[in-house]
Amino acid sequence: MANYPRSGSHTGFPVRSAARWLLSGLTGLLLLCGCHTQDASDASAAPAHRTSITALIWAPDWPEQMLQIAAEFSKRNPDVHVDVQFMIGNSVEENIKPRVAAGTLPDLVSVNPNAYSAELADQGVLADVSRTSAWSNMLAPLKRDWTSRGGKGFGISGGVATTMIYYNRDMFAKAGIDKLPTNFDEFLRVCAQLKRAGFTPIMLNGAFPNMLGNGPFASGFANGVVAHEPDWKSKLAVGTLDLDTPEVADIFARIALLPERGYVQAAFMTTGYDDGMRLFKDGKAAMAFQGSWSAGLLLHGNRFAVGVFIPPWNARGEPVVPVLGSETGFAVCETPNKAAAMRFLEFIAGQGFPILQRKRHNISPFRSNAGMAVSDPEIVGYTNAVSRYSITASPYYSTLPSNTLESLHGLMQDVLLKKMTAREAAKRLDKSIKNEAKMHYK
């Protein structure tokens, strides 16, 4: 900016001086105008129009990280504001369905890699993300989980999902347990040994059936159904897989057996997701049936060492079948803000992913940032080990039809509350599966 000269104390000065003064003043005025022009240019650099997108996210144990990702994205993309909303309840699907019916889906949404989400893609509700960098960078085996029958890539995985049993090494040592169980009979003996030593053997999330499904149900289905029926997935889809069997009833019976023998915490039917995690971290339960997504929380900040092992839900003499697949991920909806939502999806899977991983320590579903993302050696080793098994099962949320998922939650809780027998639960599960198949395969 130019400095204006002070006015002289006299009024009569030479014309040349006046001309110089006038020229200086005009120059200053021009410079001043130039400054205002530059300011206007700076102002025009800010986005003339700011798009606001809505993201509806399933994040029961990492809401702060999602907010951080959204804030960082908007900081780097000032033309887009992200309004983050969080799902509530017991499943992703129960949050999505009312919005699909009302036509009020957000721009970006958490989805599971299952038939329901795939159908939404083929119906034009979810956008095809197969041309994004995020899709290209996703591990090849996971892409099958996220491809619809019509060939659309309908989402990006939030991680490699596998379920395991976390255990308190100190409690196991004090109870004299020097060998991890390798089948269900041995697991029950370990529980009995822990109970005799004065410990609560295992935490059960009775008030959060999502984890009953991810935990004992999924492992029960893996070892009771998947292990004996190679074509289980296609048969389940068309309704020819028989689930009204003693083997399926035994899945429910084993869930009920744990509290019947006093192997779970008091008031287990009122234990939610966070409550259950706290019980384990506070040393009030020796084991927690959880997923790889909880590694960051369960493996760190404890007064004791923690280990993991494959849930031994197999019968004696039979090989165990672990659960391995894609975690709940992210999809873009067909809305007017699809382009901005696609940019946010790319950010979540790219620059934003380490923010997520610093909390969760899960296995990255992507190739290039796997080295950048924080993962615990214990979980990496576990996942590598189960991936080498000849037979693995999918997580329960990508196995069952969406309506059956909601039905299953109630069935498990009713069996635990002794409102229903395990055999009746199997019969109702079978009926739900067959009804869903009739609706979609007429």
Protein backbone atom coordinates (compact mmCIF):
# COMPACT_ATOMS: atom_id res chain seq x y z
CA MET A 1 0.00 0.00 0.00
CA ALA A 2 1.26 3.55 -0.76
CA ASN A 3 2.00 6.04 2.03
CA TYR A 4 0.17 9.31 1.58
CA PRO A 5 2.36 12.44 2.12
CA ARG A 6 1.42 14.81 4.88
CA SER A 7 -0.15 18.12 3.82
CA GLY A 8 2.38 20.99 3.69
CA SER A 9 2.21 23.93 6.08
CA HIS A 10 2.08 26.30 3.18
CA THR A 11 -0.46 26.61 0.41
CA GLY A 12 1.77 27.97 -2.29
CA PHE A 13 4.25 25.52 -3.76
CA PRO A 14 5.65 25.14 -7.27
CA VAL A 15 3.53 23.64 -10.01
CA ARG A 16 6.13 20.91 -10.58
CA SER A 17 5.87 19.98 -6.93
CA ALA A 18 2.10 20.01 -7.20
CA ALA A 19 2.29 17.78 -10.25
CA ARG A 20 4.56 15.40 -8.42
CA TRP A 21 2.19 15.45 -5.46
CA LEU A 22 -0.79 14.82 -7.73
CA LEU A 23 1.01 12.00 -9.53
CA SER A 24 1.99 10.49 -6.20
CA GLY A 25 -1.59 10.73 -5.00
CA LEU A 26 -2.95 9.15 -8.16
CA THR A 27 -0.38 6.39 -7.87
CA GLY A 28 -1.41 5.79 -4.29
CA LEU A 29 -5.06 5.77 -5.29
CA LEU A 30 -4.33 3.26 -8.02
CA LEU A 31 -2.37 1.12 -5.60
CA LEU A 32 -5.24 1.35 -3.12
CA CYS A 33 -7.65 0.27 -5.82
CA GLY A 34 -5.25 -2.51 -6.68
CA CYS A 35 -5.32 -3.67 -3.07
CA HIS A 36 -9.10 -3.75 -3.11
CA THR A 37 -9.00 -5.60 -6.39
CA GLN A 38 -6.69 -8.19 -4.84
CA ASP A 39 -8.99 -8.50 -1.82
CA ALA A 40 -11.91 -9.07 -4.15
CA SER A 41 -9.88 -11.69 -5.98
CA ASP A 42 -9.09 -13.41 -2.66
CA ALA A 43 -12.76 -13.38 -1.77
CA SER A 44 -13.64 -14.94 -5.10
CA ALA A 45 -11.15 -17.74 -4.31
CA ALA A 46 -13.52 -18.91 -1.58
CA PRO A 47 -16.26 -21.22 -2.89
CA ALA A 48 -19.12 -19.25 -4.42
CA HIS A 49 -21.45 -22.16 -3.65
CA ARG A 50 -20.96 -24.64 -0.81
CA THR A 51 -22.53 -28.05 -1.14
CA SER A 52 -23.79 -29.68 2.05
CA ILE A 53 -23.88 -33.47 2.07
CA THR A 54 -25.30 -35.80 4.70
CA ALA A 55 -23.45 -38.92 5.86
CA LEU A 56 -25.38 -41.51 7.89
CA ILE A 57 -22.76 -43.67 9.62
CA TRP A 58 -22.68 -46.86 11.70
CA ALA A 59 -19.91 -46.13 14.21
CA PRO A 60 -20.77 -47.62 17.61
CA ASP A 61 -17.21 -47.33 18.89
CA TRP A 62 -15.59 -44.62 16.72
CA PRO A 63 -17.93 -41.60 16.36
CA GLU A 64 -15.20 -39.10 17.23
CA GLN A 65 -12.98 -40.40 14.46
CA MET A 66 -15.77 -40.06 11.90
CA LEU A 67 -16.30 -36.46 12.94
CA GLN A 68 -12.56 -35.84 12.59
CA ILE A 69 -12.56 -37.34 9.10
CA ALA A 70 -15.48 -35.13 8.06
CA ALA A 71 -13.84 -32.01 9.51
CA GLU A 72 -10.53 -32.75 7.79
CA PHE A 73 -12.29 -33.37 4.47
CA SER A 74 -14.17 -30.05 4.67
CA LYS A 75 -10.93 -28.29 5.59
CA ARG A 76 -9.28 -29.61 2.44
CA ASN A 77 -12.46 -29.24 0.37
CA PRO A 78 -13.97 -25.91 1.49
CA ASP A 79 -16.72 -26.17 -1.14
CA VAL A 80 -18.25 -29.19 0.64
CA HIS A 81 -19.70 -29.36 4.15
CA VAL A 82 -20.37 -32.80 5.66
CA ASP A 83 -23.25 -33.21 8.10
CA VAL A 84 -22.49 -36.46 9.96
CA GLN A 85 -25.39 -38.36 11.50
CA PHE A 86 -24.99 -41.61 13.42
CA MET A 87 -27.08 -44.75 13.18
CA ILE A 88 -28.72 -46.11 16.30
CA GLY A 89 -30.28 -49.44 17.22
CA ASN A 90 -29.06 -52.95 16.49
CA SER A 91 -28.30 -52.99 12.79
CA VAL A 92 -27.42 -50.94 9.74
CA GLU A 93 -30.46 -52.21 7.86
CA GLU A 94 -33.02 -51.02 10.41
CA ASN A 95 -31.63 -47.51 9.92
CA ILE A 96 -31.66 -47.65 6.13
CA LYS A 97 -35.04 -49.24 5.40
CA PRO A 98 -37.28 -46.41 6.70
CA ARG A 99 -35.26 -43.89 4.68
CA VAL A 100 -35.50 -45.98 1.53
CA ALA A 101 -39.27 -46.20 2.00
CA ALA A 102 -39.57 -42.46 2.62
CA GLY A 103 -37.13 -41.47 -0.12
CA THR A 104 -34.93 -39.62 2.38
CA LEU A 105 -31.63 -41.44 2.02
CA PRO A 106 -28.49 -39.45 2.80
CA ASP A 107 -25.73 -38.77 0.27
CA LEU A 108 -23.31 -41.25 1.84
CA VAL A 109 -24.37 -44.15 4.04
CA SER A 110 -22.91 -47.12 5.92
CA VAL A 111 -23.97 -50.41 4.35
CA ASN A 112 -23.24 -54.09 4.77
CA PRO A 113 -21.96 -56.31 1.95
CA ASN A 114 -25.15 -58.31 1.65
CA ALA A 115 -28.01 -59.08 -0.70
CA TYR A 116 -30.10 -56.17 0.57
CA SER A 117 -27.47 -53.55 -0.27
CA ALA A 118 -26.72 -55.24 -3.58
CA GLU A 119 -30.41 -55.07 -4.48
CA LEU A 120 -30.51 -51.36 -3.63
CA ALA A 121 -27.69 -50.88 -6.11
CA ASP A 122 -29.48 -52.81 -8.86
CA GLN A 123 -32.62 -50.77 -8.15
CA GLY A 124 -30.67 -47.54 -8.68
CA VAL A 125 -30.76 -46.45 -5.04
CA LEU A 126 -27.02 -46.88 -4.44
CA ALA A 127 -24.50 -45.55 -6.92
CA ASP A 128 -21.89 -47.65 -8.70
CA VAL A 129 -18.51 -46.85 -7.10
CA SER A 130 -16.46 -49.26 -9.22
CA ARG A 131 -14.75 -46.40 -11.08
CA THR A 132 -13.33 -44.80 -7.94
CA SER A 133 -9.75 -45.06 -6.76
CA ALA A 134 -11.10 -46.49 -3.51
CA TRP A 135 -12.60 -49.44 -5.39
CA SER A 136 -9.44 -49.99 -7.43
CA ASN A 137 -7.37 -50.00 -4.25
CA MET A 138 -9.63 -52.44 -2.35
CA LEU A 139 -8.30 -55.97 -1.88
CA ALA A 140 -9.46 -58.18 -4.73
CA PRO A 141 -11.17 -60.89 -2.60
CA LEU A 142 -13.31 -58.23 -0.91
CA LYS A 143 -14.64 -56.88 -4.21
CA ARG A 144 -16.75 -60.01 -4.64
CA ASP A 145 -18.58 -59.11 -1.41
CA TRP A 146 -19.38 -55.67 -2.81
CA THR A 147 -20.53 -56.58 -6.33
CA SER A 148 -24.25 -56.86 -7.06
CA ARG A 149 -25.87 -59.44 -9.31
CA GLY A 150 -26.09 -56.69 -11.93
CA GLY A 151 -22.34 -56.16 -11.76
CA LYS A 152 -22.35 -52.90 -9.80
CA GLY A 153 -19.75 -52.10 -7.18
CA PHE A 154 -22.07 -50.82 -4.47
CA GLY A 155 -19.69 -49.99 -1.61
CA ILE A 156 -16.23 -49.81 -0.11
CA SER A 157 -15.29 -52.05 2.81
CA GLY A 158 -14.49 -50.44 6.15
CA GLY A 159 -12.00 -53.20 6.97
CA VAL A 160 -11.30 -56.89 6.89
CA ALA A 161 -13.74 -58.38 9.39
CA THR A 162 -13.03 -61.45 11.45
CA THR A 163 -14.39 -62.46 14.84
CA MET A 164 -12.31 -63.84 17.68
CA ILE A 165 -12.23 -64.34 21.41
CA TYR A 166 -10.07 -61.85 23.30
CA TYR A 167 -8.80 -63.26 26.58
CA ASN A 168 -7.14 -61.96 29.74
CA ARG A 169 -3.79 -63.75 29.86
CA ASP A 170 -3.36 -63.02 33.57
CA MET A 171 -6.69 -64.61 34.51
CA PHE A 172 -5.95 -67.65 32.37
CA ALA A 173 -2.59 -68.07 34.10
CA LYS A 174 -4.09 -67.66 37.59
CA ALA A 175 -6.74 -70.25 36.74
CA GLY A 176 -4.01 -72.65 35.65
CA ILE A 177 -5.02 -72.67 31.99
CA ASP A 178 -1.92 -73.28 29.89
CA LYS A 179 -3.59 -74.48 26.69
CA LEU A 180 -6.15 -72.61 24.60
CA PRO A 181 -9.36 -74.53 23.74
CA THR A 182 -9.57 -76.01 20.24
CA ASN A 183 -13.19 -77.26 20.29
CA PHE A 184 -16.42 -76.43 22.10
CA ASP A 185 -16.05 -79.13 24.78
CA GLU A 186 -12.63 -77.78 25.67
CA PHE A 187 -14.04 -74.24 25.68
CA LEU A 188 -16.66 -75.23 28.25
CA ARG A 189 -13.95 -76.81 30.42
CA VAL A 190 -11.94 -73.59 30.26
CA CYS A 191 -15.06 -71.65 31.33
CA ALA A 192 -15.58 -74.04 34.25
CA GLN A 193 -11.94 -73.68 35.29
CA LEU A 194 -12.16 -69.88 35.21
CA LYS A 195 -15.36 -69.94 37.24
CA ARG A 196 -13.77 -72.17 39.89
CA ALA A 197 -10.89 -69.68 40.12
CA GLY A 198 -13.40 -66.93 40.95
CA PHE A 199 -13.56 -65.26 37.55
CA THR A 200 -16.48 -64.51 35.22
CA PRO A 201 -15.50 -66.59 32.19
CA ILE A 202 -16.99 -64.58 29.31
CA MET A 203 -18.87 -61.35 28.69
CA LEU A 204 -22.18 -61.58 26.82
CA ASN A 205 -23.88 -58.56 25.13
CA GLY A 206 -27.47 -59.58 25.81
CA ALA A 207 -28.80 -56.06 25.22
CA PHE A 208 -26.91 -55.65 21.93
CA PRO A 209 -27.94 -58.59 19.74
CA ASN A 210 -25.72 -57.36 16.93
CA MET A 211 -22.77 -58.80 18.87
CA LEU A 212 -24.66 -62.00 19.69
CA GLY A 213 -24.97 -62.34 15.92
CA ASN A 214 -21.37 -61.44 15.16
CA GLY A 215 -20.16 -63.66 17.99
CA PRO A 216 -21.71 -66.99 19.02
CA PHE A 217 -24.30 -67.13 16.24
CA ALA A 218 -21.84 -66.52 13.39
CA SER A 219 -19.35 -69.05 14.75
CA GLY A 220 -22.17 -71.52 15.39
CA PHE A 221 -23.42 -71.11 11.82
CA ALA A 222 -19.87 -71.46 10.49
CA ASN A 223 -19.23 -74.74 12.28
CA GLY A 224 -22.76 -76.15 12.25
CA VAL A 225 -23.84 -75.28 8.69
CA VAL A 226 -21.02 -73.96 6.49
CA ALA A 227 -18.65 -76.76 7.52
CA HIS A 228 -21.04 -79.42 6.15
CA GLU A 229 -22.62 -77.71 3.14
CA PRO A 230 -20.22 -76.33 0.49
CA ASP A 231 -23.09 -74.80 -1.51
CA TRP A 232 -24.70 -73.15 1.53
CA LYS A 233 -24.68 -69.61 0.15
CA SER A 234 -26.56 -70.26 -3.08
CA LYS A 235 -28.97 -72.65 -1.34
CA LEU A 236 -29.72 -70.09 1.33
CA ALA A 237 -30.41 -67.46 -1.34
CA VAL A 238 -32.98 -69.58 -3.16
CA GLY A 239 -34.52 -71.03 0.01
CA THR A 240 -33.40 -74.65 -0.31
CA LEU A 241 -31.00 -74.67 2.64
CA ASP A 242 -32.70 -76.52 5.49
CA LEU A 243 -32.16 -74.70 8.78
CA ASP A 244 -34.85 -76.46 10.78
CA THR A 245 -32.30 -78.98 11.98
CA PRO A 246 -30.74 -80.13 15.27
CA GLU A 247 -27.45 -78.53 14.16
CA VAL A 248 -29.06 -75.09 13.83
CA ALA A 249 -31.02 -75.54 17.05
CA ASP A 250 -27.67 -76.26 18.68
CA ILE A 251 -26.45 -72.79 17.64
CA PHE A 252 -29.13 -71.23 19.83
CA ALA A 253 -28.71 -73.84 22.56
CA ARG A 254 -25.02 -73.02 22.91
CA ILE A 255 -25.78 -69.31 23.29
CA ALA A 256 -28.22 -70.13 26.10
CA LEU A 257 -25.85 -72.65 27.68
CA LEU A 258 -23.34 -69.98 28.74
CA PRO A 259 -25.66 -68.15 31.17
CA GLU A 260 -27.31 -71.41 32.24
CA ARG A 261 -23.97 -72.59 33.60
CA GLY A 262 -23.15 -69.24 35.14
CA TYR A 263 -20.33 -68.47 32.74
CA VAL A 264 -21.41 -64.89 31.96
CA GLN A 265 -21.69 -61.67 33.96
CA ALA A 266 -24.65 -60.81 36.16
CA ALA A 267 -27.44 -58.86 34.41
CA PHE A 268 -26.04 -59.91 31.02
CA MET A 269 -29.36 -59.12 29.35
CA THR A 270 -28.91 -55.44 30.13
CA THR A 271 -25.29 -55.30 28.92
CA GLY A 272 -24.91 -53.12 25.85
CA TYR A 273 -21.97 -52.71 23.50
CA ASP A 274 -19.93 -50.17 25.49
CA ASP A 275 -20.83 -51.78 28.83
CA GLY A 276 -19.50 -55.12 27.65
CA MET A 277 -16.22 -53.67 26.42
CA ARG A 278 -15.78 -51.93 29.76
CA LEU A 279 -16.37 -55.15 31.69
CA PHE A 280 -13.53 -56.83 29.86
CA LYS A 281 -11.17 -53.86 30.11
CA ASP A 282 -11.90 -53.48 33.81
CA GLY A 283 -10.90 -57.09 34.40
CA LYS A 284 -14.41 -58.24 35.28
CA ALA A 285 -14.61 -60.93 32.60
CA ALA A 286 -11.88 -63.23 31.35
CA MET A 287 -13.03 -63.35 27.73
CA ALA A 288 -14.89 -61.17 25.21
CA PHE A 289 -16.37 -62.46 21.96
CA GLN A 290 -15.59 -59.56 19.65
CA GLY A 291 -14.40 -58.57 16.20
CA SER A 292 -11.14 -57.38 14.71
CA TRP A 293 -12.73 -53.90 14.60
CA SER A 294 -12.32 -53.66 18.40
CA ALA A 295 -8.61 -54.45 18.47
CA GLY A 296 -7.52 -50.88 19.21
CA LEU A 297 -9.72 -50.68 22.29
CA LEU A 298 -9.40 -54.19 23.69
CA LEU A 299 -5.68 -54.75 23.22
CA HIS A 300 -4.45 -51.49 24.74
CA GLY A 301 -4.72 -49.48 27.94
CA ASN A 302 -5.28 -52.52 30.15
CA ARG A 303 -3.62 -53.54 33.40
CA PHE A 304 -3.16 -57.01 31.95
CA ALA A 305 -1.92 -58.64 28.76
CA VAL A 306 -4.52 -59.67 26.16
CA GLY A 307 -4.40 -62.49 23.64
CA VAL A 308 -6.80 -63.75 20.96
CA PHE A 309 -7.87 -67.17 19.65
CA ILE A 310 -10.27 -68.61 17.09
CA PRO A 311 -13.71 -69.24 18.61
CA PRO A 312 -13.72 -73.05 19.09
CA TRP A 313 -17.35 -73.64 18.16
CA ASN A 314 -16.45 -76.87 16.35
CA ALA A 315 -17.19 -80.35 17.65
CA ARG A 316 -14.39 -82.57 18.92
CA GLY A 317 -12.52 -84.15 16.02
CA GLU A 318 -13.76 -81.63 13.45
CA PRO A 319 -11.69 -78.73 12.05
CA VAL A 320 -12.74 -75.28 13.20
CA VAL A 321 -14.32 -72.92 10.66
CA PRO A 322 -13.43 -69.26 11.30
CA VAL A 323 -15.45 -66.21 10.23
CA LEU A 324 -13.76 -63.90 7.72
CA GLY A 325 -15.08 -61.30 5.31
CA SER A 326 -15.77 -57.62 4.77
CA GLU A 327 -16.67 -55.23 7.52
CA THR A 328 -19.53 -52.74 7.29
CA GLY A 329 -18.50 -50.16 4.72
CA PHE A 330 -19.62 -47.04 2.88
CA ALA A 331 -21.86 -46.42 -0.13
CA VAL A 332 -22.92 -43.37 -2.12
CA CYS A 333 -26.60 -42.82 -2.79
CA GLU A 334 -28.09 -41.61 -6.06
CA THR A 335 -28.80 -38.04 -4.94
CA PRO A 336 -28.17 -34.62 -6.54
CA ASN A 337 -25.02 -34.43 -4.37
CA LYS A 338 -23.56 -37.70 -5.67
CA ALA A 339 -20.38 -36.09 -7.05
CA ALA A 340 -19.53 -34.44 -3.72
CA ALA A 341 -20.36 -37.67 -1.85
CA MET A 342 -18.02 -39.60 -4.16
CA ARG A 343 -15.23 -37.20 -3.24
CA PHE A 344 -15.93 -37.80 0.43
CA LEU A 345 -15.92 -41.58 -0.14
CA GLU A 346 -12.50 -41.29 -1.79
CA PHE A 347 -11.25 -39.28 1.18
CA ILE A 348 -12.54 -41.82 3.73
CA ALA A 349 -10.71 -44.59 1.90
CA GLY A 350 -7.58 -42.51 1.36
CA GLN A 351 -6.31 -39.64 3.49
CA GLY A 352 -8.99 -40.14 6.12
CA PHE A 353 -8.44 -43.86 6.68
CA PRO A 354 -5.41 -43.50 9.03
CA ILE A 355 -7.59 -41.35 11.33
CA LEU A 356 -9.94 -44.31 11.60
CA GLN A 357 -7.16 -46.82 12.09
CA ARG A 358 -5.42 -44.94 14.88
CA LYS A 359 -8.46 -45.80 17.00
CA ARG A 360 -9.50 -49.19 15.62
CA HIS A 361 -6.27 -50.98 14.61
CA ASN A 362 -8.23 -53.17 12.22
CA ILE A 363 -6.88 -54.85 9.09
CA SER A 364 -6.91 -52.41 6.18
CA PRO A 365 -9.09 -53.48 3.23
CA PHE A 366 -6.83 -51.52 0.87
CA ARG A 367 -3.56 -52.35 -0.84
CA SER A 368 -1.54 -49.14 -0.86
CA ASN A 369 -2.18 -47.72 2.62
CA ALA A 370 -1.93 -51.02 4.48
CA GLY A 371 1.56 -50.10 5.60
CA MET A 372 0.52 -46.61 6.70
CA ALA A 373 -2.43 -47.77 8.75
CA VAL A 374 -1.93 -48.88 12.34
CA SER A 375 -2.58 -52.58 12.86
CA ASP A 376 -1.63 -54.75 15.80
CA PRO A 377 0.74 -57.64 15.04
CA GLU A 378 -1.58 -59.89 17.06
CA ILE A 379 -4.51 -59.10 14.78
CA VAL A 380 -2.42 -59.22 11.61
CA GLY A 381 -1.14 -62.66 12.59
CA TYR A 382 -4.62 -63.88 13.48
CA THR A 383 -6.13 -62.65 10.20
CA ASN A 384 -3.32 -64.13 8.14
CA ALA A 385 -3.80 -67.44 9.93
CA VAL A 386 -7.57 -67.70 9.40
CA SER A 387 -7.27 -66.58 5.77
CA ARG A 388 -5.28 -69.76 5.09
CA TYR A 389 -8.12 -72.04 6.25
CA SER A 390 -9.69 -74.06 3.43
CA ILE A 391 -13.20 -73.22 4.69
CA THR A 392 -14.27 -69.88 6.16
CA ALA A 393 -17.71 -68.41 6.78
CA SER A 394 -19.00 -64.91 6.11
CA PRO A 395 -20.02 -62.51 8.91
CA TYR A 396 -23.66 -62.96 9.83
CA TYR A 397 -24.71 -59.54 8.48
CA SER A 398 -23.53 -60.50 5.00
CA THR A 399 -24.95 -64.04 5.26
CA LEU A 400 -28.61 -63.51 6.14
CA PRO A 401 -31.34 -61.52 4.35
CA SER A 402 -32.00 -58.14 5.94
CA ASN A 403 -35.46 -59.03 7.29
CA THR A 404 -34.07 -62.25 8.73
CA LEU A 405 -31.35 -60.27 10.52
CA GLU A 406 -33.97 -58.34 12.46
CA SER A 407 -35.87 -61.53 13.20
CA LEU A 408 -32.70 -63.27 14.39
CA HIS A 409 -31.99 -60.55 16.95
CA GLY A 410 -35.31 -61.20 18.62
CA LEU A 411 -34.93 -64.98 18.41
CA MET A 412 -31.58 -64.95 20.21
CA GLN A 413 -32.85 -62.68 22.96
CA ASP A 414 -36.02 -64.76 23.41
CA VAL A 415 -33.95 -67.93 23.77
CA LEU A 416 -31.74 -66.23 26.37
CA LEU A 417 -34.83 -65.04 28.24
CA LYS A 418 -36.29 -68.57 28.05
CA LYS A 419 -39.30 -67.31 26.13
CA MET A 420 -38.52 -69.73 23.30
CA THR A 421 -36.75 -73.05 22.89
CA ALA A 422 -33.67 -73.42 20.71
CA ARG A 423 -35.60 -75.80 18.41
CA GLU A 424 -38.38 -73.26 17.95
CA ALA A 425 -35.82 -70.56 17.17
CA ALA A 426 -34.28 -72.78 14.46
CA LYS A 427 -37.74 -73.43 12.99
CA ARG A 428 -38.52 -69.69 12.84
CA LEU A 429 -35.13 -68.87 11.35
CA ASP A 430 -35.72 -71.45 8.64
CA LYS A 431 -39.17 -70.04 7.92
CA SER A 432 -37.81 -66.49 7.64
CA ILE A 433 -35.07 -67.57 5.22
CA LYS A 434 -37.54 -69.40 3.00
CA ASN A 435 -40.04 -66.51 3.03
CA GLU A 436 -37.30 -64.11 1.94
CA ALA A 437 -36.29 -66.43 -0.88
CA LYS A 438 -39.91 -66.65 -2.11
CA MET A 439 -40.11 -62.87 -2.22
CA HIS A 440 -36.95 -62.49 -4.28
CA TYR A 441 -36.98 -65.67 -6.38
CA LYS A 442 -40.56 -65.98 -7.59
